[in-house]
Amino acid sequence: MSTIKENLFDLFQLDKMPPEKGVEMLDRLAKLVFQSVLVRVLPTLSEEDLVEYEKIIDSKEEGDVLFKFLGEKVPDFEKIVAEESELLRMELAGELEEVKS
């Protein structure tokens, strides 16, 4: 499991779920965080980096290749991932509170 997924697993306390549900939820959360991260980081890439990003996407490389690329090209990439993960956690916690009310 990648470090990012490990952090999401811990942040959302997925160990409290049945293993198969935890894995399913982890995949969903990772996709949501990834989309949020892309919204923040893609505008910061140079034209050359965007071309390289498109090549990676078109090649259907695994997510680790893309995250490595973004980690090299975007200052504070891991911090951005952590921020987006926490924002998602807070948003979901807020929605859960609204449902409980």
PDB file of N, CA and C in Angstrom:
ATOM      1  N   MET A   1       0.860  -1.179   0.000  1.00  0.00           N
ATOM      2  CA  MET A   1       0.000   0.000   0.000  1.00  0.00           C
ATOM      3  C   MET A   1       0.899   1.231   0.000  1.00  0.00           C
ATOM      4  N   SER A   2       0.568   2.195  -0.862  1.00  0.00           N
ATOM      5  CA  SER A   2       1.379   3.402  -0.939  1.00  0.00           C
ATOM      6  C   SER A   2       1.228   4.214   0.340  1.00  0.00           C
ATOM      7  N   THR A   3       2.180   5.084   0.583  1.00  0.00           N
ATOM      8  CA  THR A   3       2.145   5.918   1.780  1.00  0.00           C
ATOM      9  C   THR A   3       0.886   6.769   1.811  1.00  0.00           C
ATOM     10  N   ILE A   4       0.480   7.289   0.668  1.00  0.00           N
ATOM     11  CA  ILE A   4      -0.720   8.124   0.618  1.00  0.00           C
ATOM     12  C   ILE A   4      -1.940   7.308   1.027  1.00  0.00           C
ATOM     13  N   LYS A   5      -2.046   6.104   0.495  1.00  0.00           N
ATOM     14  CA  LYS A   5      -3.179   5.251   0.872  1.00  0.00           C
ATOM     15  C   LYS A   5      -3.101   4.854   2.342  1.00  0.00           C
ATOM     16  N   GLU A   6      -1.906   4.623   2.837  1.00  0.00           N
ATOM     17  CA  GLU A   6      -1.751   4.303   4.258  1.00  0.00           C
ATOM     18  C   GLU A   6      -2.238   5.466   5.116  1.00  0.00           C
ATOM     19  N   ASN A   7      -1.886   6.676   4.713  1.00  0.00           N
ATOM     20  CA  ASN A   7      -2.329   7.858   5.458  1.00  0.00           C
ATOM     21  C   ASN A   7      -3.845   7.992   5.425  1.00  0.00           C
ATOM     22  N   LEU A   8      -4.446   7.762   4.248  1.00  0.00           N
ATOM     23  CA  LEU A   8      -5.912   7.813   4.145  1.00  0.00           C
ATOM     24  C   LEU A   8      -6.550   6.731   5.007  1.00  0.00           C
ATOM     25  N   PHE A   9      -5.966   5.546   4.989  1.00  0.00           N
ATOM     26  CA  PHE A   9      -6.476   4.429   5.775  1.00  0.00           C
ATOM     27  C   PHE A   9      -6.518   4.809   7.256  1.00  0.00           C
ATOM     28  N   ASP A  10      -5.434   5.427   7.736  1.00  0.00           N
ATOM     29  CA  ASP A  10      -5.358   5.846   9.133  1.00  0.00           C
ATOM     30  C   ASP A  10      -6.271   7.035   9.420  1.00  0.00           C
ATOM     31  N   LEU A  11      -6.245   8.032   8.542  1.00  0.00           N
ATOM     32  CA  LEU A  11      -7.025   9.245   8.745  1.00  0.00           C
ATOM     33  C   LEU A  11      -8.520   8.947   8.861  1.00  0.00           C
ATOM     34  N   PHE A  12      -8.998   8.043   8.036  1.00  0.00           N
ATOM     35  CA  PHE A  12     -10.428   7.716   8.032  1.00  0.00           C
ATOM     36  C   PHE A  12     -10.752   6.490   8.878  1.00  0.00           C
ATOM     37  N   GLN A  13      -9.763   5.983   9.615  1.00  0.00           N
ATOM     38  CA  GLN A  13      -9.930   4.859  10.537  1.00  0.00           C
ATOM     39  C   GLN A  13     -10.632   3.677   9.861  1.00  0.00           C
ATOM     40  N   LEU A  14     -10.141   3.333   8.687  1.00  0.00           N
ATOM     41  CA  LEU A  14     -10.760   2.265   7.915  1.00  0.00           C
ATOM     42  C   LEU A  14     -10.510   0.879   8.506  1.00  0.00           C
ATOM     43  N   ASP A  15      -9.592   0.803   9.463  1.00  0.00           N
ATOM     44  CA  ASP A  15      -9.353  -0.472  10.127  1.00  0.00           C
ATOM     45  C   ASP A  15     -10.555  -0.915  10.960  1.00  0.00           C
ATOM     46  N   LYS A  16     -11.474   0.004  11.219  1.00  0.00           N
ATOM     47  CA  LYS A  16     -12.684  -0.310  11.989  1.00  0.00           C
ATOM     48  C   LYS A  16     -13.771  -0.951  11.122  1.00  0.00           C
ATOM     49  N   MET A  17     -13.529  -0.993   9.829  1.00  0.00           N
ATOM     50  CA  MET A  17     -14.493  -1.589   8.898  1.00  0.00           C
ATOM     51  C   MET A  17     -14.072  -3.023   8.585  1.00  0.00           C
ATOM     52  N   PRO A  18     -15.014  -3.843   8.113  1.00  0.00           N
ATOM     53  CA  PRO A  18     -14.610  -5.159   7.605  1.00  0.00           C
ATOM     54  C   PRO A  18     -13.578  -4.953   6.490  1.00  0.00           C
ATOM     55  N   PRO A  19     -12.583  -5.829   6.395  1.00  0.00           N
ATOM     56  CA  PRO A  19     -11.476  -5.617   5.446  1.00  0.00           C
ATOM     57  C   PRO A  19     -11.906  -5.316   4.012  1.00  0.00           C
ATOM     58  N   GLU A  20     -12.862  -6.062   3.472  1.00  0.00           N
ATOM     59  CA  GLU A  20     -13.259  -5.823   2.075  1.00  0.00           C
ATOM     60  C   GLU A  20     -13.937  -4.465   1.919  1.00  0.00           C
ATOM     61  N   LYS A  21     -14.716  -4.043   2.909  1.00  0.00           N
ATOM     62  CA  LYS A  21     -15.345  -2.718   2.860  1.00  0.00           C
ATOM     63  C   LYS A  21     -14.294  -1.623   3.010  1.00  0.00           C
ATOM     64  N   GLY A  22     -13.306  -1.869   3.868  1.00  0.00           N
ATOM     65  CA  GLY A  22     -12.238  -0.894   4.066  1.00  0.00           C
ATOM     66  C   GLY A  22     -11.450  -0.652   2.792  1.00  0.00           C
ATOM     67  N   VAL A  23     -11.149  -1.711   2.061  1.00  0.00           N
ATOM     68  CA  VAL A  23     -10.408  -1.588   0.794  1.00  0.00           C
ATOM     69  C   VAL A  23     -11.253  -0.833  -0.231  1.00  0.00           C
ATOM     70  N   GLU A  24     -12.523  -1.160  -0.299  1.00  0.00           N
ATOM     71  CA  GLU A  24     -13.426  -0.473  -1.237  1.00  0.00           C
ATOM     72  C   GLU A  24     -13.517   1.016  -0.903  1.00  0.00           C
ATOM     73  N   MET A  25     -13.672   1.323   0.370  1.00  0.00           N
ATOM     74  CA  MET A  25     -13.762   2.722   0.796  1.00  0.00           C
ATOM     75  C   MET A  25     -12.445   3.450   0.546  1.00  0.00           C
ATOM     76  N   LEU A  26     -11.336   2.772   0.780  1.00  0.00           N
ATOM     77  CA  LEU A  26     -10.023   3.373   0.544  1.00  0.00           C
ATOM     78  C   LEU A  26      -9.864   3.763  -0.921  1.00  0.00           C
ATOM     79  N   ASP A  27     -10.293   2.904  -1.818  1.00  0.00           N
ATOM     80  CA  ASP A  27     -10.209   3.224  -3.247  1.00  0.00           C
ATOM     81  C   ASP A  27     -11.057   4.446  -3.584  1.00  0.00           C
ATOM     82  N   ARG A  28     -12.248   4.515  -3.043  1.00  0.00           N
ATOM     83  CA  ARG A  28     -13.128   5.667  -3.301  1.00  0.00           C
ATOM     84  C   ARG A  28     -12.521   6.956  -2.760  1.00  0.00           C
ATOM     85  N   LEU A  29     -12.017   6.894  -1.532  1.00  0.00           N
ATOM     86  CA  LEU A  29     -11.426   8.085  -0.921  1.00  0.00           C
ATOM     87  C   LEU A  29     -10.184   8.531  -1.685  1.00  0.00           C
ATOM     88  N   ALA A  30      -9.373   7.574  -2.110  1.00  0.00           N
ATOM     89  CA  ALA A  30      -8.154   7.910  -2.858  1.00  0.00           C
ATOM     90  C   ALA A  30      -8.503   8.621  -4.159  1.00  0.00           C
ATOM     91  N   LYS A  31      -9.552   8.167  -4.825  1.00  0.00           N
ATOM     92  CA  LYS A  31      -9.969   8.821  -6.071  1.00  0.00           C
ATOM     93  C   LYS A  31     -10.442  10.241  -5.812  1.00  0.00           C
ATOM     94  N   LEU A  32     -11.197  10.446  -4.743  1.00  0.00           N
ATOM     95  CA  LEU A  32     -11.678  11.792  -4.419  1.00  0.00           C
ATOM     96  C   LEU A  32     -10.521  12.730  -4.090  1.00  0.00           C
ATOM     97  N   VAL A  33      -9.594  12.247  -3.300  1.00  0.00           N
ATOM     98  CA  VAL A  33      -8.432  13.067  -2.939  1.00  0.00           C
ATOM     99  C   VAL A  33      -7.599  13.360  -4.184  1.00  0.00           C
ATOM    100  N   PHE A  34      -7.399  12.350  -5.017  1.00  0.00           N
ATOM    101  CA  PHE A  34      -6.613  12.526  -6.235  1.00  0.00           C
ATOM    102  C   PHE A  34      -7.225  13.599  -7.129  1.00  0.00           C
ATOM    103  N   GLN A  35      -8.541  13.581  -7.280  1.00  0.00           N
ATOM    104  CA  GLN A  35      -9.207  14.599  -8.107  1.00  0.00           C
ATOM    105  C   GLN A  35      -8.999  15.991  -7.525  1.00  0.00           C
ATOM    106  N   SER A  36      -9.121  16.120  -6.218  1.00  0.00           N
ATOM    107  CA  SER A  36      -8.917  17.421  -5.575  1.00  0.00           C
ATOM    108  C   SER A  36      -7.486  17.901  -5.737  1.00  0.00           C
ATOM    109  N   VAL A  37      -6.557  16.982  -5.607  1.00  0.00           N
ATOM    110  CA  VAL A  37      -5.142  17.334  -5.764  1.00  0.00           C
ATOM    111  C   VAL A  37      -4.882  17.806  -7.190  1.00  0.00           C
ATOM    112  N   LEU A  38      -5.429  17.098  -8.169  1.00  0.00           N
ATOM    113  CA  LEU A  38      -5.224  17.497  -9.565  1.00  0.00           C
ATOM    114  C   LEU A  38      -5.760  18.895  -9.839  1.00  0.00           C
ATOM    115  N   VAL A  39      -6.912  19.211  -9.271  1.00  0.00           N
ATOM    116  CA  VAL A  39      -7.492  20.553  -9.464  1.00  0.00           C
ATOM    117  C   VAL A  39      -6.524  21.620  -8.964  1.00  0.00           C
ATOM    118  N   ARG A  40      -5.822  21.320  -7.889  1.00  0.00           N
ATOM    119  CA  ARG A  40      -4.877  22.297  -7.333  1.00  0.00           C
ATOM    120  C   ARG A  40      -3.549  22.343  -8.075  1.00  0.00           C
ATOM    121  N   VAL A  41      -3.037  21.183  -8.493  1.00  0.00           N
ATOM    122  CA  VAL A  41      -1.663  21.170  -8.997  1.00  0.00           C
ATOM    123  C   VAL A  41      -1.531  21.339 -10.506  1.00  0.00           C
ATOM    124  N   LEU A  42      -2.507  20.900 -11.272  1.00  0.00           N
ATOM    125  CA  LEU A  42      -2.355  21.008 -12.733  1.00  0.00           C
ATOM    126  C   LEU A  42      -2.134  22.438 -13.204  1.00  0.00           C
ATOM    127  N   PRO A  43      -2.839  23.426 -12.645  1.00  0.00           N
ATOM    128  CA  PRO A  43      -2.590  24.801 -13.101  1.00  0.00           C
ATOM    129  C   PRO A  43      -1.175  25.303 -12.803  1.00  0.00           C
ATOM    130  N   THR A  44      -0.472  24.634 -11.903  1.00  0.00           N
ATOM    131  CA  THR A  44       0.880  25.091 -11.553  1.00  0.00           C
ATOM    132  C   THR A  44       1.963  24.506 -12.453  1.00  0.00           C
ATOM    133  N   LEU A  45       1.605  23.515 -13.276  1.00  0.00           N
ATOM    134  CA  LEU A  45       2.595  22.868 -14.141  1.00  0.00           C
ATOM    135  C   LEU A  45       2.911  23.723 -15.363  1.00  0.00           C
ATOM    136  N   SER A  46       4.149  23.622 -15.800  1.00  0.00           N
ATOM    137  CA  SER A  46       4.557  24.313 -17.025  1.00  0.00           C
ATOM    138  C   SER A  46       3.949  23.589 -18.226  1.00  0.00           C
ATOM    139  N   GLU A  47       4.018  24.222 -19.385  1.00  0.00           N
ATOM    140  CA  GLU A  47       3.506  23.595 -20.608  1.00  0.00           C
ATOM    141  C   GLU A  47       4.209  22.263 -20.872  1.00  0.00           C
ATOM    142  N   GLU A  48       5.526  22.244 -20.686  1.00  0.00           N
ATOM    143  CA  GLU A  48       6.288  21.013 -20.912  1.00  0.00           C
ATOM    144  C   GLU A  48       5.846  19.915 -19.945  1.00  0.00           C
ATOM    145  N   ASP A  49       5.641  20.301 -18.687  1.00  0.00           N
ATOM    146  CA  ASP A  49       5.210  19.323 -17.683  1.00  0.00           C
ATOM    147  C   ASP A  49       3.802  18.816 -17.978  1.00  0.00           C
ATOM    148  N   LEU A  50       2.953  19.694 -18.500  1.00  0.00           N
ATOM    149  CA  LEU A  50       1.600  19.260 -18.860  1.00  0.00           C
ATOM    150  C   LEU A  50       1.630  18.248 -20.005  1.00  0.00           C
ATOM    151  N   VAL A  51       2.539  18.442 -20.950  1.00  0.00           N
ATOM    152  CA  VAL A  51       2.697  17.484 -22.043  1.00  0.00           C
ATOM    153  C   VAL A  51       3.138  16.139 -21.480  1.00  0.00           C
ATOM    154  N   GLU A  52       4.085  16.172 -20.566  1.00  0.00           N
ATOM    155  CA  GLU A  52       4.556  14.935 -19.944  1.00  0.00           C
ATOM    156  C   GLU A  52       3.439  14.276 -19.122  1.00  0.00           C
ATOM    157  N   TYR A  53       2.665  15.080 -18.419  1.00  0.00           N
ATOM    158  CA  TYR A  53       1.516  14.577 -17.656  1.00  0.00           C
ATOM    159  C   TYR A  53       0.542  13.855 -18.585  1.00  0.00           C
ATOM    160  N   GLU A  54       0.237  14.468 -19.719  1.00  0.00           N
ATOM    161  CA  GLU A  54      -0.677  13.856 -20.689  1.00  0.00           C
ATOM    162  C   GLU A  54      -0.129  12.520 -21.206  1.00  0.00           C
ATOM    163  N   LYS A  55       1.176  12.453 -21.427  1.00  0.00           N
ATOM    164  CA  LYS A  55       1.791  11.211 -21.889  1.00  0.00           C
ATOM    165  C   LYS A  55       1.624  10.107 -20.843  1.00  0.00           C
ATOM    166  N   ILE A  56       1.807  10.467 -19.595  1.00  0.00           N
ATOM    167  CA  ILE A  56       1.640   9.486 -18.516  1.00  0.00           C
ATOM    168  C   ILE A  56       0.196   9.003 -18.468  1.00  0.00           C
ATOM    169  N   ILE A  57      -0.744   9.928 -18.572  1.00  0.00           N
ATOM    170  CA  ILE A  57      -2.165   9.572 -18.545  1.00  0.00           C
ATOM    171  C   ILE A  57      -2.508   8.686 -19.741  1.00  0.00           C
ATOM    172  N   ASP A  58      -2.043   9.064 -20.913  1.00  0.00           N
ATOM    173  CA  ASP A  58      -2.331   8.293 -22.121  1.00  0.00           C
ATOM    174  C   ASP A  58      -1.718   6.888 -22.081  1.00  0.00           C
ATOM    175  N   SER A  59      -0.602   6.748 -21.384  1.00  0.00           N
ATOM    176  CA  SER A  59       0.073   5.445 -21.314  1.00  0.00           C
ATOM    177  C   SER A  59      -0.592   4.509 -20.316  1.00  0.00           C
ATOM    178  N   LYS A  60      -1.556   5.024 -19.564  1.00  0.00           N
ATOM    179  CA  LYS A  60      -2.283   4.225 -18.570  1.00  0.00           C
ATOM    180  C   LYS A  60      -1.341   3.638 -17.510  1.00  0.00           C
ATOM    181  N   GLU A  61      -0.311   4.403 -17.186  1.00  0.00           N
ATOM    182  CA  GLU A  61       0.624   3.976 -16.142  1.00  0.00           C
ATOM    183  C   GLU A  61      -0.100   3.891 -14.801  1.00  0.00           C
ATOM    184  N   GLU A  62       0.454   3.142 -13.898  1.00  0.00           N
ATOM    185  CA  GLU A  62      -0.105   3.024 -12.559  1.00  0.00           C
ATOM    186  C   GLU A  62      -0.035   4.379 -11.855  1.00  0.00           C
ATOM    187  N   GLY A  63      -0.886   4.561 -10.862  1.00  0.00           N
ATOM    188  CA  GLY A  63      -0.948   5.816 -10.117  1.00  0.00           C
ATOM    189  C   GLY A  63       0.362   6.208  -9.474  1.00  0.00           C
ATOM    190  N   ASP A  64       1.176   5.224  -9.084  1.00  0.00           N
ATOM    191  CA  ASP A  64       2.448   5.538  -8.444  1.00  0.00           C
ATOM    192  C   ASP A  64       3.365   6.322  -9.372  1.00  0.00           C
ATOM    193  N   VAL A  65       3.331   6.030 -10.672  1.00  0.00           N
ATOM    194  CA  VAL A  65       4.158   6.748 -11.643  1.00  0.00           C
ATOM    195  C   VAL A  65       3.710   8.209 -11.710  1.00  0.00           C
ATOM    196  N   LEU A  66       2.414   8.412 -11.743  1.00  0.00           N
ATOM    197  CA  LEU A  66       1.881   9.771 -11.803  1.00  0.00           C
ATOM    198  C   LEU A  66       2.187  10.546 -10.522  1.00  0.00           C
ATOM    199  N   PHE A  67       2.024   9.902  -9.381  1.00  0.00           N
ATOM    200  CA  PHE A  67       2.312  10.578  -8.119  1.00  0.00           C
ATOM    201  C   PHE A  67       3.794  10.908  -8.004  1.00  0.00           C
ATOM    202  N   LYS A  68       4.659  10.021  -8.492  1.00  0.00           N
ATOM    203  CA  LYS A  68       6.096  10.306  -8.467  1.00  0.00           C
ATOM    204  C   LYS A  68       6.396  11.518  -9.346  1.00  0.00           C
ATOM    205  N   PHE A  69       5.805  11.543 -10.532  1.00  0.00           N
ATOM    206  CA  PHE A  69       5.995  12.669 -11.448  1.00  0.00           C
ATOM    207  C   PHE A  69       5.537  13.975 -10.789  1.00  0.00           C
ATOM    208  N   LEU A  70       4.327  13.972 -10.242  1.00  0.00           N
ATOM    209  CA  LEU A  70       3.804  15.187  -9.617  1.00  0.00           C
ATOM    210  C   LEU A  70       4.635  15.589  -8.402  1.00  0.00           C
ATOM    211  N   GLY A  71       5.097  14.588  -7.658  1.00  0.00           N
ATOM    212  CA  GLY A  71       5.942  14.880  -6.500  1.00  0.00           C
ATOM    213  C   GLY A  71       7.239  15.571  -6.887  1.00  0.00           C
ATOM    214  N   GLU A  72       7.754  15.239  -8.066  1.00  0.00           N
ATOM    215  CA  GLU A  72       8.984  15.865  -8.555  1.00  0.00           C
ATOM    216  C   GLU A  72       8.735  17.260  -9.113  1.00  0.00           C
ATOM    217  N   LYS A  73       7.559  17.485  -9.668  1.00  0.00           N
ATOM    218  CA  LYS A  73       7.279  18.738 -10.373  1.00  0.00           C
ATOM    219  C   LYS A  73       6.576  19.795  -9.524  1.00  0.00           C
ATOM    220  N   VAL A  74       5.885  19.371  -8.483  1.00  0.00           N
ATOM    221  CA  VAL A  74       5.074  20.301  -7.687  1.00  0.00           C
ATOM    222  C   VAL A  74       5.692  20.463  -6.303  1.00  0.00           C
ATOM    223  N   PRO A  75       6.113  21.690  -5.987  1.00  0.00           N
ATOM    224  CA  PRO A  75       6.630  21.926  -4.639  1.00  0.00           C
ATOM    225  C   PRO A  75       5.532  21.631  -3.608  1.00  0.00           C
ATOM    226  N   ASP A  76       5.911  21.042  -2.511  1.00  0.00           N
ATOM    227  CA  ASP A  76       4.980  20.735  -1.415  1.00  0.00           C
ATOM    228  C   ASP A  76       3.849  19.792  -1.831  1.00  0.00           C
ATOM    229  N   PHE A  77       4.124  18.907  -2.787  1.00  0.00           N
ATOM    230  CA  PHE A  77       3.082  18.000  -3.279  1.00  0.00           C
ATOM    231  C   PHE A  77       2.488  17.160  -2.147  1.00  0.00           C
ATOM    232  N   GLU A  78       3.343  16.588  -1.313  1.00  0.00           N
ATOM    233  CA  GLU A  78       2.837  15.749  -0.218  1.00  0.00           C
ATOM    234  C   GLU A  78       1.999  16.564   0.761  1.00  0.00           C
ATOM    235  N   LYS A  79       2.382  17.801   0.970  1.00  0.00           N
ATOM    236  CA  LYS A  79       1.604  18.680   1.853  1.00  0.00           C
ATOM    237  C   LYS A  79       0.224  18.936   1.246  1.00  0.00           C
ATOM    238  N   ILE A  80       0.168  19.146  -0.055  1.00  0.00           N
ATOM    239  CA  ILE A  80      -1.107  19.365  -0.741  1.00  0.00           C
ATOM    240  C   ILE A  80      -1.992  18.131  -0.617  1.00  0.00           C
ATOM    241  N   VAL A  81      -1.411  16.953  -0.782  1.00  0.00           N
ATOM    242  CA  VAL A  81      -2.173  15.707  -0.633  1.00  0.00           C
ATOM    243  C   VAL A  81      -2.723  15.601   0.783  1.00  0.00           C
ATOM    244  N   ALA A  82      -1.894  15.908   1.769  1.00  0.00           N
ATOM    245  CA  ALA A  82      -2.331  15.843   3.167  1.00  0.00           C
ATOM    246  C   ALA A  82      -3.451  16.851   3.430  1.00  0.00           C
ATOM    247  N   GLU A  83      -3.309  18.060   2.890  1.00  0.00           N
ATOM    248  CA  GLU A  83      -4.350  19.080   3.071  1.00  0.00           C
ATOM    249  C   GLU A  83      -5.670  18.645   2.441  1.00  0.00           C
ATOM    250  N   GLU A  84      -5.605  18.123   1.236  1.00  0.00           N
ATOM    251  CA  GLU A  84      -6.828  17.690   0.556  1.00  0.00           C
ATOM    252  C   GLU A  84      -7.473  16.494   1.262  1.00  0.00           C
ATOM    253  N   SER A  85      -6.653  15.623   1.807  1.00  0.00           N
ATOM    254  CA  SER A  85      -7.172  14.488   2.576  1.00  0.00           C
ATOM    255  C   SER A  85      -7.913  14.974   3.812  1.00  0.00           C
ATOM    256  N   GLU A  86      -7.311  15.919   4.504  1.00  0.00           N
ATOM    257  CA  GLU A  86      -7.940  16.465   5.717  1.00  0.00           C
ATOM    258  C   GLU A  86      -9.212  17.238   5.377  1.00  0.00           C
ATOM    259  N   LEU A  87      -9.194  17.989   4.299  1.00  0.00           N
ATOM    260  CA  LEU A  87     -10.399  18.709   3.882  1.00  0.00           C
ATOM    261  C   LEU A  87     -11.540  17.736   3.582  1.00  0.00           C
ATOM    262  N   LEU A  88     -11.233  16.647   2.915  1.00  0.00           N
ATOM    263  CA  LEU A  88     -12.251  15.638   2.628  1.00  0.00           C
ATOM    264  C   LEU A  88     -12.769  15.025   3.922  1.00  0.00           C
ATOM    265  N   ARG A  89     -11.871  14.723   4.856  1.00  0.00           N
ATOM    266  CA  ARG A  89     -12.286  14.153   6.134  1.00  0.00           C
ATOM    267  C   ARG A  89     -13.224  15.102   6.870  1.00  0.00           C
ATOM    268  N   MET A  90     -12.877  16.386   6.891  1.00  0.00           N
ATOM    269  CA  MET A  90     -13.713  17.373   7.575  1.00  0.00           C
ATOM    270  C   MET A  90     -15.062  17.519   6.882  1.00  0.00           C
ATOM    271  N   GLU A  91     -15.059  17.516   5.558  1.00  0.00           N
ATOM    272  CA  GLU A  91     -16.298  17.635   4.800  1.00  0.00           C
ATOM    273  C   GLU A  91     -17.220  16.445   5.072  1.00  0.00           C
ATOM    274  N   LEU A  92     -16.654  15.261   5.047  1.00  0.00           N
ATOM    275  CA  LEU A  92     -17.462  14.068   5.289  1.00  0.00           C
ATOM    276  C   LEU A  92     -17.950  14.011   6.735  1.00  0.00           C
ATOM    277  N   ALA A  93     -17.119  14.447   7.668  1.00  0.00           N
ATOM    278  CA  ALA A  93     -17.541  14.478   9.073  1.00  0.00           C
ATOM    279  C   ALA A  93     -18.691  15.464   9.254  1.00  0.00           C
ATOM    280  N   GLY A  94     -18.616  16.605   8.562  1.00  0.00           N
ATOM    281  CA  GLY A  94     -19.693  17.592   8.626  1.00  0.00           C
ATOM    282  C   GLY A  94     -20.986  17.054   8.051  1.00  0.00           C
ATOM    283  N   GLU A  95     -20.884  16.344   6.940  1.00  0.00           N
ATOM    284  CA  GLU A  95     -22.081  15.762   6.331  1.00  0.00           C
ATOM    285  C   GLU A  95     -22.675  14.687   7.230  1.00  0.00           C
ATOM    286  N   LEU A  96     -21.813  13.931   7.891  1.00  0.00           N
ATOM    287  CA  LEU A  96     -22.288  12.894   8.819  1.00  0.00           C
ATOM    288  C   LEU A  96     -23.032  13.532   9.987  1.00  0.00           C
ATOM    289  N   GLU A  97     -22.515  14.641  10.488  1.00  0.00           N
ATOM    290  CA  GLU A  97     -23.190  15.351  11.585  1.00  0.00           C
ATOM    291  C   GLU A  97     -24.566  15.866  11.145  1.00  0.00           C
ATOM    292  N   GLU A  98     -24.648  16.362   9.906  1.00  0.00           N
ATOM    293  CA  GLU A  98     -25.934  16.851   9.387  1.00  0.00           C
ATOM    294  C   GLU A  98     -26.951  15.716   9.304  1.00  0.00           C
ATOM    295  N   VAL A  99     -26.497  14.534   8.912  1.00  0.00           N
ATOM    296  CA  VAL A  99     -27.394  13.376   8.797  1.00  0.00           C
ATOM    297  C   VAL A  99     -27.876  12.969  10.190  1.00  0.00           C
ATOM    298  N   LYS A 100     -27.002  13.048  11.168  1.00  0.00           N
ATOM    299  CA  LYS A 100     -27.359  12.668  12.536  1.00  0.00           C
ATOM    300  C   LYS A 100     -28.365  13.642  13.155  1.00  0.00           C
ATOM    301  N   SER A 101     -28.352  14.889  12.719  1.00  0.00           N
ATOM    302  CA  SER A 101     -29.211  15.927  13.311  1.00  0.00           C
ATOM    303  C   SER A 101     -30.649  15.771  12.875  1.00  0.00           C
TER     304      SER A 101
END
